[in-house]
């Protein structure tokens, strides 16, 4: 909201109206998230987890986060490395036409006489 208030410094009516409307929308969103969301969560209580998707865990216990993240490594490194190389080459082939682009700021030279 503070950064949007910088639009008032331009002195242009369109930007001032845009800034006012956007500041109001952000203010209402913040007010709603600070009041309505905690009230809704306190009303639901333990029912907030009702929509949770059940996850089957081997052994029935909870896993720690660090081993779960560490076990994401592929078991066979060579096939995945080959697939990554092929993907990278495909991206380079698709990007090859960009090398022939001639970008310039034509400025006043492109205007009709």
PDB file of N, CA and C in Angstrom:
ATOM      1  N   UNK A   1       0.821  -1.177   0.000  1.00  0.00           N
ATOM      2  CA  UNK A   1       0.000   0.000   0.000  1.00  0.00           C
ATOM      3  C   UNK A   1       0.873   1.252   0.000  1.00  0.00           C
ATOM      4  N   UNK A   2       1.993   1.166   0.718  1.00  0.00           N
ATOM      5  CA  UNK A   2       2.893   2.316   0.779  1.00  0.00           C
ATOM      6  C   UNK A   2       3.533   2.559  -0.587  1.00  0.00           C
ATOM      7  N   UNK A   3       3.933   1.489  -1.253  1.00  0.00           N
ATOM      8  CA  UNK A   3       4.571   1.675  -2.555  1.00  0.00           C
ATOM      9  C   UNK A   3       3.571   2.184  -3.590  1.00  0.00           C
ATOM     10  N   UNK A   4       2.312   1.768  -3.492  1.00  0.00           N
ATOM     11  CA  UNK A   4       1.310   2.261  -4.432  1.00  0.00           C
ATOM     12  C   UNK A   4       0.976   3.724  -4.189  1.00  0.00           C
ATOM     13  N   UNK A   5       1.180   4.202  -2.969  1.00  0.00           N
ATOM     14  CA  UNK A   5       0.896   5.609  -2.702  1.00  0.00           C
ATOM     15  C   UNK A   5       1.878   6.527  -3.427  1.00  0.00           C
ATOM     16  N   UNK A   6       2.966   5.987  -3.938  1.00  0.00           N
ATOM     17  CA  UNK A   6       3.901   6.772  -4.738  1.00  0.00           C
ATOM     18  C   UNK A   6       3.285   7.259  -6.034  1.00  0.00           C
ATOM     19  N   UNK A   7       2.193   6.610  -6.479  1.00  0.00           N
ATOM     20  CA  UNK A   7       1.518   7.068  -7.688  1.00  0.00           C
ATOM     21  C   UNK A   7       0.838   8.418  -7.486  1.00  0.00           C
ATOM     22  N   UNK A   8       0.551   8.782  -6.246  1.00  0.00           N
ATOM     23  CA  UNK A   8      -0.040  10.094  -5.984  1.00  0.00           C
ATOM     24  C   UNK A   8       0.949  11.221  -6.298  1.00  0.00           C
ATOM     25  N   UNK A   9       2.237  10.906  -6.270  1.00  0.00           N
ATOM     26  CA  UNK A   9       3.251  11.932  -6.500  1.00  0.00           C
ATOM     27  C   UNK A   9       3.334  12.356  -7.965  1.00  0.00           C
ATOM     28  N   UNK A  10       2.764  11.573  -8.861  1.00  0.00           N
ATOM     29  CA  UNK A  10       2.843  11.931 -10.272  1.00  0.00           C
ATOM     30  C   UNK A  10       1.984  13.143 -10.597  1.00  0.00           C
ATOM     31  N   UNK A  11       0.895  13.335  -9.875  1.00  0.00           N
ATOM     32  CA  UNK A  11       0.015  14.464 -10.136  1.00  0.00           C
ATOM     33  C   UNK A  11      -0.942  14.239 -11.286  1.00  0.00           C
ATOM     34  N   UNK A  12      -0.947  13.056 -11.871  1.00  0.00           N
ATOM     35  CA  UNK A  12      -1.851  12.727 -12.975  1.00  0.00           C
ATOM     36  C   UNK A  12      -3.097  12.091 -12.367  1.00  0.00           C
ATOM     37  N   UNK A  13      -4.265  12.592 -12.766  1.00  0.00           N
ATOM     38  CA  UNK A  13      -5.519  12.144 -12.172  1.00  0.00           C
ATOM     39  C   UNK A  13      -5.778  10.656 -12.386  1.00  0.00           C
ATOM     40  N   UNK A  14      -5.424  10.155 -13.555  1.00  0.00           N
ATOM     41  CA  UNK A  14      -5.660   8.736 -13.838  1.00  0.00           C
ATOM     42  C   UNK A  14      -4.855   7.867 -12.876  1.00  0.00           C
ATOM     43  N   UNK A  15      -3.592   8.222 -12.660  1.00  0.00           N
ATOM     44  CA  UNK A  15      -2.759   7.442 -11.753  1.00  0.00           C
ATOM     45  C   UNK A  15      -3.227   7.587 -10.312  1.00  0.00           C
ATOM     46  N   UNK A  16      -3.725   8.746  -9.954  1.00  0.00           N
ATOM     47  CA  UNK A  16      -4.227   8.938  -8.597  1.00  0.00           C
ATOM     48  C   UNK A  16      -5.456   8.076  -8.346  1.00  0.00           C
ATOM     49  N   UNK A  17      -6.356   8.028  -9.311  1.00  0.00           N
ATOM     50  CA  UNK A  17      -7.536   7.178  -9.168  1.00  0.00           C
ATOM     51  C   UNK A  17      -7.182   5.712  -9.130  1.00  0.00           C
ATOM     52  N   UNK A  18      -6.223   5.326  -9.968  1.00  0.00           N
ATOM     53  CA  UNK A  18      -5.763   3.944  -9.978  1.00  0.00           C
ATOM     54  C   UNK A  18      -5.104   3.586  -8.656  1.00  0.00           C
ATOM     55  N   UNK A  19      -4.302   4.490  -8.131  1.00  0.00           N
ATOM     56  CA  UNK A  19      -3.624   4.241  -6.856  1.00  0.00           C
ATOM     57  C   UNK A  19      -4.639   4.101  -5.730  1.00  0.00           C
ATOM     58  N   UNK A  20      -5.640   4.982  -5.702  1.00  0.00           N
ATOM     59  CA  UNK A  20      -6.639   4.923  -4.637  1.00  0.00           C
ATOM     60  C   UNK A  20      -7.402   3.600  -4.683  1.00  0.00           C
ATOM     61  N   UNK A  21      -7.835   3.197  -5.867  1.00  0.00           N
ATOM     62  CA  UNK A  21      -8.566   1.939  -5.990  1.00  0.00           C
ATOM     63  C   UNK A  21      -7.732   0.737  -5.609  1.00  0.00           C
ATOM     64  N   UNK A  22      -6.496   0.702  -6.032  1.00  0.00           N
ATOM     65  CA  UNK A  22      -5.622  -0.425  -5.728  1.00  0.00           C
ATOM     66  C   UNK A  22      -5.281  -0.477  -4.249  1.00  0.00           C
ATOM     67  N   UNK A  23      -5.055   0.675  -3.638  1.00  0.00           N
ATOM     68  CA  UNK A  23      -4.777   0.715  -2.197  1.00  0.00           C
ATOM     69  C   UNK A  23      -5.985   0.211  -1.420  1.00  0.00           C
ATOM     70  N   UNK A  24      -7.181   0.562  -1.861  1.00  0.00           N
ATOM     71  CA  UNK A  24      -8.383   0.087  -1.167  1.00  0.00           C
ATOM     72  C   UNK A  24      -8.531  -1.423  -1.303  1.00  0.00           C
ATOM     73  N   UNK A  25      -8.264  -1.974  -2.474  1.00  0.00           N
ATOM     74  CA  UNK A  25      -8.370  -3.421  -2.683  1.00  0.00           C
ATOM     75  C   UNK A  25      -7.373  -4.155  -1.804  1.00  0.00           C
ATOM     76  N   UNK A  26      -6.137  -3.676  -1.761  1.00  0.00           N
ATOM     77  CA  UNK A  26      -5.120  -4.321  -0.927  1.00  0.00           C
ATOM     78  C   UNK A  26      -5.496  -4.201   0.548  1.00  0.00           C
ATOM     79  N   UNK A  27      -6.010  -3.046   0.959  1.00  0.00           N
ATOM     80  CA  UNK A  27      -6.415  -2.861   2.350  1.00  0.00           C
ATOM     81  C   UNK A  27      -7.531  -3.801   2.760  1.00  0.00           C
ATOM     82  N   UNK A  28      -8.531  -3.967   1.902  1.00  0.00           N
ATOM     83  CA  UNK A  28      -9.629  -4.886   2.212  1.00  0.00           C
ATOM     84  C   UNK A  28      -9.136  -6.329   2.263  1.00  0.00           C
ATOM     85  N   UNK A  29      -8.213  -6.692   1.376  1.00  0.00           N
ATOM     86  CA  UNK A  29      -7.662  -8.053   1.385  1.00  0.00           C
ATOM     87  C   UNK A  29      -6.881  -8.318   2.664  1.00  0.00           C
ATOM     88  N   UNK A  30      -6.090  -7.358   3.106  1.00  0.00           N
ATOM     89  CA  UNK A  30      -5.324  -7.525   4.340  1.00  0.00           C
ATOM     90  C   UNK A  30      -6.262  -7.590   5.540  1.00  0.00           C
ATOM     91  N   UNK A  31      -7.255  -6.726   5.570  1.00  0.00           N
ATOM     92  CA  UNK A  31      -8.219  -6.718   6.666  1.00  0.00           C
ATOM     93  C   UNK A  31      -8.981  -8.045   6.733  1.00  0.00           C
ATOM     94  N   UNK A  32      -9.362  -8.560   5.579  1.00  0.00           N
ATOM     95  CA  UNK A  32     -10.053  -9.840   5.548  1.00  0.00           C
ATOM     96  C   UNK A  32      -9.177 -10.992   5.992  1.00  0.00           C
ATOM     97  N   UNK A  33      -7.916 -10.969   5.594  1.00  0.00           N
ATOM     98  CA  UNK A  33      -7.025 -12.069   5.981  1.00  0.00           C
ATOM     99  C   UNK A  33      -6.650 -12.002   7.457  1.00  0.00           C
ATOM    100  N   UNK A  34      -6.718 -10.822   8.053  1.00  0.00           N
ATOM    101  CA  UNK A  34      -6.395 -10.699   9.478  1.00  0.00           C
ATOM    102  C   UNK A  34      -7.597 -10.952  10.377  1.00  0.00           C
ATOM    103  N   UNK A  35      -8.809 -10.859   9.852  1.00  0.00           N
ATOM    104  CA  UNK A  35      -9.991 -11.056  10.685  1.00  0.00           C
ATOM    105  C   UNK A  35     -10.776 -12.303  10.296  1.00  0.00           C
ATOM    106  N   UNK A  36     -11.149 -12.435   9.037  1.00  0.00           N
ATOM    107  CA  UNK A  36     -12.018 -13.525   8.622  1.00  0.00           C
ATOM    108  C   UNK A  36     -11.324 -14.883   8.662  1.00  0.00           C
ATOM    109  N   UNK A  37     -10.103 -14.968   8.192  1.00  0.00           N
ATOM    110  CA  UNK A  37      -9.402 -16.248   8.127  1.00  0.00           C
ATOM    111  C   UNK A  37      -9.155 -16.851   9.506  1.00  0.00           C
ATOM    112  N   UNK A  38      -8.627 -16.102  10.501  1.00  0.00           N
ATOM    113  CA  UNK A  38      -8.479 -16.713  11.836  1.00  0.00           C
ATOM    114  C   UNK A  38      -9.822 -17.097  12.465  1.00  0.00           C
ATOM    115  N   UNK A  39     -10.870 -16.286  12.224  1.00  0.00           N
ATOM    116  CA  UNK A  39     -12.183 -16.635  12.772  1.00  0.00           C
ATOM    117  C   UNK A  39     -12.700 -17.923  12.150  1.00  0.00           C
ATOM    118  N   UNK A  40     -12.520 -18.088  10.855  1.00  0.00           N
ATOM    119  CA  UNK A  40     -12.965 -19.301  10.188  1.00  0.00           C
ATOM    120  C   UNK A  40     -12.184 -20.516  10.671  1.00  0.00           C
ATOM    121  N   UNK A  41     -10.883 -20.367  10.852  1.00  0.00           N
ATOM    122  CA  UNK A  41     -10.066 -21.484  11.334  1.00  0.00           C
ATOM    123  C   UNK A  41     -10.452 -21.868  12.766  1.00  0.00           C
ATOM    124  N   UNK A  42     -10.789 -20.885  13.607  1.00  0.00           N
ATOM    125  CA  UNK A  42     -11.185 -21.222  14.982  1.00  0.00           C
ATOM    126  C   UNK A  42     -12.563 -21.882  14.994  1.00  0.00           C
ATOM    127  N   UNK A  43     -13.440 -21.521  14.065  1.00  0.00           N
ATOM    128  CA  UNK A  43     -14.743 -22.188  14.000  1.00  0.00           C
ATOM    129  C   UNK A  43     -14.617 -23.625  13.527  1.00  0.00           C
ATOM    130  N   UNK A  44     -13.739 -23.872  12.576  1.00  0.00           N
ATOM    131  CA  UNK A  44     -13.578 -25.226  12.052  1.00  0.00           C
ATOM    132  C   UNK A  44     -12.879 -26.146  13.041  1.00  0.00           C
ATOM    133  N   UNK A  45     -11.966 -25.609  13.826  1.00  0.00           N
ATOM    134  CA  UNK A  45     -11.258 -26.419  14.819  1.00  0.00           C
ATOM    135  C   UNK A  45     -10.470 -27.534  14.167  1.00  0.00           C
ATOM    136  N   UNK A  46     -10.698 -28.761  14.640  1.00  0.00           N
ATOM    137  CA  UNK A  46      -9.965 -29.909  14.105  1.00  0.00           C
ATOM    138  C   UNK A  46     -10.498 -30.340  12.740  1.00  0.00           C
ATOM    139  N   UNK A  47     -11.596 -29.773  12.306  1.00  0.00           N
ATOM    140  CA  UNK A  47     -12.165 -30.128  11.006  1.00  0.00           C
ATOM    141  C   UNK A  47     -11.368 -29.518   9.857  1.00  0.00           C
ATOM    142  N   UNK A  48     -10.371 -28.699  10.151  1.00  0.00           N
ATOM    143  CA  UNK A  48      -9.569 -28.108   9.069  1.00  0.00           C
ATOM    144  C   UNK A  48      -8.792 -29.172   8.314  1.00  0.00           C
ATOM    145  N   UNK A  49      -8.472 -30.291   8.968  1.00  0.00           N
ATOM    146  CA  UNK A  49      -7.731 -31.369   8.312  1.00  0.00           C
ATOM    147  C   UNK A  49      -8.642 -32.356   7.602  1.00  0.00           C
ATOM    148  N   UNK A  50      -9.946 -32.107   7.575  1.00  0.00           N
ATOM    149  CA  UNK A  50     -10.880 -33.049   6.972  1.00  0.00           C
ATOM    150  C   UNK A  50     -10.640 -33.190   5.469  1.00  0.00           C
ATOM    151  N   UNK A  51     -10.257 -32.132   4.801  1.00  0.00           N
ATOM    152  CA  UNK A  51     -10.030 -32.186   3.365  1.00  0.00           C
ATOM    153  C   UNK A  51      -8.644 -32.660   2.977  1.00  0.00           C
ATOM    154  N   UNK A  52      -7.860 -33.097   3.932  1.00  0.00           N
ATOM    155  CA  UNK A  52      -6.493 -33.528   3.669  1.00  0.00           C
ATOM    156  C   UNK A  52      -6.473 -34.857   2.940  1.00  0.00           C
ATOM    157  N   UNK A  53      -5.563 -35.006   2.006  1.00  0.00           N
ATOM    158  CA  UNK A  53      -5.419 -36.247   1.254  1.00  0.00           C
ATOM    159  C   UNK A  53      -4.577 -37.198   2.095  1.00  0.00           C
ATOM    160  N   UNK A  54      -5.088 -38.401   2.359  1.00  0.00           N
ATOM    161  CA  UNK A  54      -4.308 -39.342   3.172  1.00  0.00           C
ATOM    162  C   UNK A  54      -3.074 -39.828   2.420  1.00  0.00           C
ATOM    163  N   UNK A  55      -1.974 -39.944   3.149  1.00  0.00           N
ATOM    164  CA  UNK A  55      -0.706 -40.370   2.561  1.00  0.00           C
ATOM    165  C   UNK A  55      -0.304 -41.677   3.221  1.00  0.00           C
ATOM    166  N   UNK A  56      -0.032 -42.681   2.407  1.00  0.00           N
ATOM    167  CA  UNK A  56       0.403 -43.969   2.948  1.00  0.00           C
ATOM    168  C   UNK A  56       1.887 -43.907   3.266  1.00  0.00           C
ATOM    169  N   UNK A  57       2.222 -44.186   4.483  1.00  0.00           N
ATOM    170  CA  UNK A  57       3.622 -44.197   4.897  1.00  0.00           C
ATOM    171  C   UNK A  57       3.998 -45.625   5.294  1.00  0.00           C
ATOM    172  N   UNK A  58       5.054 -46.151   4.710  1.00  0.00           N
ATOM    173  CA  UNK A  58       5.480 -47.503   5.085  1.00  0.00           C
ATOM    174  C   UNK A  58       5.881 -47.532   6.556  1.00  0.00           C
ATOM    175  N   UNK A  59       5.413 -48.521   7.270  1.00  0.00           N
ATOM    176  CA  UNK A  59       5.754 -48.641   8.680  1.00  0.00           C
ATOM    177  C   UNK A  59       4.792 -47.886   9.575  1.00  0.00           C
ATOM    178  N   UNK A  60       3.913 -47.074   9.011  1.00  0.00           N
ATOM    179  CA  UNK A  60       2.900 -46.382   9.785  1.00  0.00           C
ATOM    180  C   UNK A  60       3.389 -45.181  10.572  1.00  0.00           C
ATOM    181  N   UNK A  61       4.680 -44.924  10.589  1.00  0.00           N
ATOM    182  CA  UNK A  61       5.196 -43.806  11.371  1.00  0.00           C
ATOM    183  C   UNK A  61       5.352 -42.549  10.547  1.00  0.00           C
ATOM    184  N   UNK A  62       5.681 -41.482  11.230  1.00  0.00           N
ATOM    185  CA  UNK A  62       5.922 -40.216  10.533  1.00  0.00           C
ATOM    186  C   UNK A  62       7.375 -40.156  10.118  1.00  0.00           C
ATOM    187  N   UNK A  63       7.600 -39.666   8.910  1.00  0.00           N
ATOM    188  CA  UNK A  63       8.975 -39.526   8.450  1.00  0.00           C
ATOM    189  C   UNK A  63       9.469 -38.130   8.759  1.00  0.00           C
ATOM    190  N   UNK A  64      10.748 -38.037   8.982  1.00  0.00           N
ATOM    191  CA  UNK A  64      11.348 -36.718   9.187  1.00  0.00           C
ATOM    192  C   UNK A  64      11.534 -36.044   7.841  1.00  0.00           C
ATOM    193  N   UNK A  65      11.610 -34.724   7.858  1.00  0.00           N
ATOM    194  CA  UNK A  65      11.673 -33.964   6.612  1.00  0.00           C
ATOM    195  C   UNK A  65      13.005 -34.133   5.894  1.00  0.00           C
ATOM    196  N   UNK A  66      14.097 -34.218   6.633  1.00  0.00           N
ATOM    197  CA  UNK A  66      15.418 -34.269   5.989  1.00  0.00           C
ATOM    198  C   UNK A  66      15.608 -35.559   5.213  1.00  0.00           C
ATOM    199  N   UNK A  67      15.310 -36.750   5.756  1.00  0.00           N
ATOM    200  CA  UNK A  67      15.443 -37.938   4.917  1.00  0.00           C
ATOM    201  C   UNK A  67      14.470 -37.946   3.741  1.00  0.00           C
ATOM    202  N   UNK A  68      13.297 -37.353   3.922  1.00  0.00           N
ATOM    203  CA  UNK A  68      12.331 -37.326   2.823  1.00  0.00           C
ATOM    204  C   UNK A  68      12.867 -36.490   1.669  1.00  0.00           C
ATOM    205  N   UNK A  69      13.528 -35.393   1.978  1.00  0.00           N
ATOM    206  CA  UNK A  69      14.091 -34.556   0.926  1.00  0.00           C
ATOM    207  C   UNK A  69      15.322 -35.218   0.325  1.00  0.00           C
ATOM    208  N   UNK A  70      16.124 -35.861   1.158  1.00  0.00           N
ATOM    209  CA  UNK A  70      17.341 -36.494   0.670  1.00  0.00           C
ATOM    210  C   UNK A  70      17.090 -37.714  -0.178  1.00  0.00           C
ATOM    211  N   UNK A  71      15.918 -38.339  -0.039  1.00  0.00           N
ATOM    212  CA  UNK A  71      15.642 -39.563  -0.799  1.00  0.00           C
ATOM    213  C   UNK A  71      15.102 -39.266  -2.187  1.00  0.00           C
ATOM    214  N   UNK A  72      15.090 -38.016  -2.599  1.00  0.00           N
ATOM    215  CA  UNK A  72      14.566 -37.648  -3.916  1.00  0.00           C
ATOM    216  C   UNK A  72      15.593 -37.848  -5.022  1.00  0.00           C
ATOM    217  N   UNK A  73      16.776 -38.352  -4.702  1.00  0.00           N
ATOM    218  CA  UNK A  73      17.798 -38.555  -5.717  1.00  0.00           C
ATOM    219  C   UNK A  73      17.423 -39.717  -6.619  1.00  0.00           C
ATOM    220  N   UNK A  74      17.724 -39.635  -7.900  1.00  0.00           N
ATOM    221  CA  UNK A  74      17.437 -40.767  -8.778  1.00  0.00           C
ATOM    222  C   UNK A  74      18.368 -41.925  -8.483  1.00  0.00           C
ATOM    223  N   UNK A  75      17.849 -43.125  -8.633  1.00  0.00           N
ATOM    224  CA  UNK A  75      18.668 -44.318  -8.344  1.00  0.00           C
ATOM    225  C   UNK A  75      19.646 -44.614  -9.473  1.00  0.00           C
ATOM    226  N   UNK A  76      19.237 -44.313 -10.690  1.00  0.00           N
ATOM    227  CA  UNK A  76      20.114 -44.558 -11.842  1.00  0.00           C
ATOM    228  C   UNK A  76      20.515 -43.214 -12.418  1.00  0.00           C
ATOM    229  N   UNK A  77      21.758 -42.828 -12.197  1.00  0.00           N
ATOM    230  CA  UNK A  77      22.210 -41.500 -12.594  1.00  0.00           C
ATOM    231  C   UNK A  77      22.446 -41.332 -14.082  1.00  0.00           C
ATOM    232  N   UNK A  78      22.940 -42.373 -14.749  1.00  0.00           N
ATOM    233  CA  UNK A  78      23.304 -42.241 -16.162  1.00  0.00           C
ATOM    234  C   UNK A  78      22.103 -41.993 -17.069  1.00  0.00           C
ATOM    235  N   UNK A  79      21.005 -42.747 -16.941  1.00  0.00           N
ATOM    236  CA  UNK A  79      19.868 -42.462 -17.843  1.00  0.00           C
ATOM    237  C   UNK A  79      19.274 -41.070 -17.622  1.00  0.00           C
ATOM    238  N   UNK A  80      19.214 -40.633 -16.378  1.00  0.00           N
ATOM    239  CA  UNK A  80      18.644 -39.313 -16.141  1.00  0.00           C
ATOM    240  C   UNK A  80      19.584 -38.225 -16.628  1.00  0.00           C
ATOM    241  N   UNK A  81      20.882 -38.456 -16.513  1.00  0.00           N
ATOM    242  CA  UNK A  81      21.835 -37.459 -17.030  1.00  0.00           C
ATOM    243  C   UNK A  81      21.736 -37.376 -18.546  1.00  0.00           C
ATOM    244  N   UNK A  82      21.564 -38.526 -19.211  1.00  0.00           N
ATOM    245  CA  UNK A  82      21.394 -38.519 -20.663  1.00  0.00           C
ATOM    246  C   UNK A  82      20.121 -37.807 -21.084  1.00  0.00           C
ATOM    247  N   UNK A  83      19.060 -38.014 -20.320  1.00  0.00           N
ATOM    248  CA  UNK A  83      17.794 -37.330 -20.622  1.00  0.00           C
ATOM    249  C   UNK A  83      17.935 -35.829 -20.431  1.00  0.00           C
ATOM    250  N   UNK A  84      18.676 -35.430 -19.409  1.00  0.00           N
ATOM    251  CA  UNK A  84      18.885 -34.002 -19.191  1.00  0.00           C
ATOM    252  C   UNK A  84      19.687 -33.382 -20.323  1.00  0.00           C
ATOM    253  N   UNK A  85      20.717 -34.104 -20.794  1.00  0.00           N
ATOM    254  CA  UNK A  85      21.510 -33.589 -21.903  1.00  0.00           C
ATOM    255  C   UNK A  85      20.672 -33.453 -23.164  1.00  0.00           C
ATOM    256  N   UNK A  86      19.821 -34.432 -23.426  1.00  0.00           N
ATOM    257  CA  UNK A  86      18.957 -34.371 -24.607  1.00  0.00           C
ATOM    258  C   UNK A  86      17.980 -33.210 -24.491  1.00  0.00           C
ATOM    259  N   UNK A  87      17.459 -32.989 -23.296  1.00  0.00           N
ATOM    260  CA  UNK A  87      16.538 -31.873 -23.096  1.00  0.00           C
ATOM    261  C   UNK A  87      17.247 -30.544 -23.330  1.00  0.00           C
ATOM    262  N   UNK A  88      18.474 -30.434 -22.810  1.00  0.00           N
ATOM    263  CA  UNK A  88      19.229 -29.197 -22.987  1.00  0.00           C
ATOM    264  C   UNK A  88      19.541 -28.951 -24.456  1.00  0.00           C
ATOM    265  N   UNK A  89      19.879 -30.004 -25.189  1.00  0.00           N
ATOM    266  CA  UNK A  89      20.152 -29.839 -26.618  1.00  0.00           C
ATOM    267  C   UNK A  89      18.892 -29.441 -27.362  1.00  0.00           C
ATOM    268  N   UNK A  90      17.754 -29.997 -26.956  1.00  0.00           N
ATOM    269  CA  UNK A  90      16.492 -29.624 -27.585  1.00  0.00           C
ATOM    270  C   UNK A  90      16.161 -28.160 -27.363  1.00  0.00           C
ATOM    271  N   UNK A  91      16.436 -27.667 -26.168  1.00  0.00           N
ATOM    272  CA  UNK A  91      16.194 -26.250 -25.881  1.00  0.00           C
ATOM    273  C   UNK A  91      17.109 -25.379 -26.727  1.00  0.00           C
ATOM    274  N   UNK A  92      18.361 -25.794 -26.883  1.00  0.00           N
ATOM    275  CA  UNK A  92      19.290 -25.011 -27.706  1.00  0.00           C
ATOM    276  C   UNK A  92      18.865 -25.000 -29.168  1.00  0.00           C
ATOM    277  N   UNK A  93      18.357 -26.123 -29.669  1.00  0.00           N
ATOM    278  CA  UNK A  93      17.885 -26.177 -31.055  1.00  0.00           C
ATOM    279  C   UNK A  93      16.684 -25.253 -31.225  1.00  0.00           C
ATOM    280  N   UNK A  94      15.776 -25.257 -30.250  1.00  0.00           N
ATOM    281  CA  UNK A  94      14.609 -24.380 -30.348  1.00  0.00           C
ATOM    282  C   UNK A  94      14.988 -22.911 -30.228  1.00  0.00           C
ATOM    283  N   UNK A  95      16.080 -22.611 -29.529  1.00  0.00           N
ATOM    284  CA  UNK A  95      16.492 -21.222 -29.341  1.00  0.00           C
ATOM    285  C   UNK A  95      17.417 -20.725 -30.449  1.00  0.00           C
ATOM    286  N   UNK A  96      17.825 -21.566 -31.363  1.00  0.00           N
ATOM    287  CA  UNK A  96      18.763 -21.179 -32.415  1.00  0.00           C
ATOM    288  C   UNK A  96      18.267 -20.021 -33.275  1.00  0.00           C
ATOM    289  N   UNK A  97      16.977 -19.913 -33.631  1.00  0.00           N
ATOM    290  CA  UNK A  97      16.546 -18.766 -34.445  1.00  0.00           C
ATOM    291  C   UNK A  97      16.757 -17.422 -33.756  1.00  0.00           C
ATOM    292  N   UNK A  98      16.913 -17.403 -32.477  1.00  0.00           N
ATOM    293  CA  UNK A  98      17.152 -16.143 -31.777  1.00  0.00           C
ATOM    294  C   UNK A  98      18.500 -15.534 -32.124  1.00  0.00           C
ATOM    295  N   UNK A  99      19.417 -16.332 -32.627  1.00  0.00           N
ATOM    296  CA  UNK A  99      20.735 -15.812 -32.974  1.00  0.00           C
ATOM    297  C   UNK A  99      20.680 -14.892 -34.189  1.00  0.00           C
ATOM    298  N   UNK A 100      19.658 -15.051 -35.035  1.00  0.00           N
ATOM    299  CA  UNK A 100      19.584 -14.223 -36.236  1.00  0.00           C
ATOM    300  C   UNK A 100      18.734 -12.967 -36.037  1.00  0.00           C
ATOM    301  N   UNK A 101      18.287 -12.708 -34.848  1.00  0.00           N
ATOM    302  CA  UNK A 101      17.500 -11.506 -34.604  1.00  0.00           C
ATOM    303  C   UNK A 101      18.391 -10.275 -34.633  1.00  0.00           C
ATOM    304  N   UNK A 102      17.901  -9.222 -35.251  1.00  0.00           N
ATOM    305  CA  UNK A 102      18.614  -7.948 -35.261  1.00  0.00           C
ATOM    306  C   UNK A 102      17.740  -6.946 -34.520  1.00  0.00           C
ATOM    307  N   UNK A 103      18.068  -6.718 -33.273  1.00  0.00           N
ATOM    308  CA  UNK A 103      17.285  -5.822 -32.441  1.00  0.00           C
ATOM    309  C   UNK A 103      17.924  -4.444 -32.450  1.00  0.00           C
ATOM    310  N   UNK A 104      17.101  -3.434 -32.669  1.00  0.00           N
ATOM    311  CA  UNK A 104      17.618  -2.075 -32.656  1.00  0.00           C
ATOM    312  C   UNK A 104      16.489  -1.134 -32.267  1.00  0.00           C
ATOM    313  N   UNK A 105      16.840  -0.007 -31.772  1.00  0.00           N
ATOM    314  CA  UNK A 105      15.882   1.039 -31.463  1.00  0.00           C
ATOM    315  C   UNK A 105      15.863   1.973 -32.660  1.00  0.00           C
ATOM    316  N   UNK A 106      14.867   1.789 -33.516  1.00  0.00           N
ATOM    317  CA  UNK A 106      14.855   2.563 -34.755  1.00  0.00           C
ATOM    318  C   UNK A 106      14.500   4.022 -34.511  1.00  0.00           C
ATOM    319  N   UNK A 107      13.799   4.313 -33.419  1.00  0.00           N
ATOM    320  CA  UNK A 107      13.498   5.690 -33.071  1.00  0.00           C
ATOM    321  C   UNK A 107      12.717   6.414 -34.139  1.00  0.00           C
ATOM    322  N   UNK A 108      13.200   7.551 -34.556  1.00  0.00           N
ATOM    323  CA  UNK A 108      12.489   8.384 -35.526  1.00  0.00           C
ATOM    324  C   UNK A 108      12.646   7.887 -36.950  1.00  0.00           C
ATOM    325  N   UNK A 109      13.577   6.986 -37.204  1.00  0.00           N
ATOM    326  CA  UNK A 109      13.851   6.517 -38.557  1.00  0.00           C
ATOM    327  C   UNK A 109      12.763   5.618 -39.117  1.00  0.00           C
ATOM    328  N   UNK A 110      11.927   5.040 -38.259  1.00  0.00           N
ATOM    329  CA  UNK A 110      10.872   4.157 -38.761  1.00  0.00           C
ATOM    330  C   UNK A 110       9.582   4.905 -39.013  1.00  0.00           C
ATOM    331  N   UNK A 111       9.500   6.174 -38.673  1.00  0.00           N
ATOM    332  CA  UNK A 111       8.291   6.963 -38.912  1.00  0.00           C
ATOM    333  C   UNK A 111       8.162   7.260 -40.401  1.00  0.00           C
ATOM    334  N   UNK A 112       6.915   7.294 -40.922  1.00  0.00           N
ATOM    335  CA  UNK A 112       6.749   7.618 -42.346  1.00  0.00           C
ATOM    336  C   UNK A 112       7.148   9.083 -42.620  1.00  0.00           C
ATOM    337  N   UNK A 113       7.561   9.340 -43.850  1.00  0.00           N
ATOM    338  CA  UNK A 113       8.044  10.685 -44.198  1.00  0.00           C
ATOM    339  C   UNK A 113       6.948  11.657 -44.278  1.00  0.00           C
TER     340      UNK A 113
END
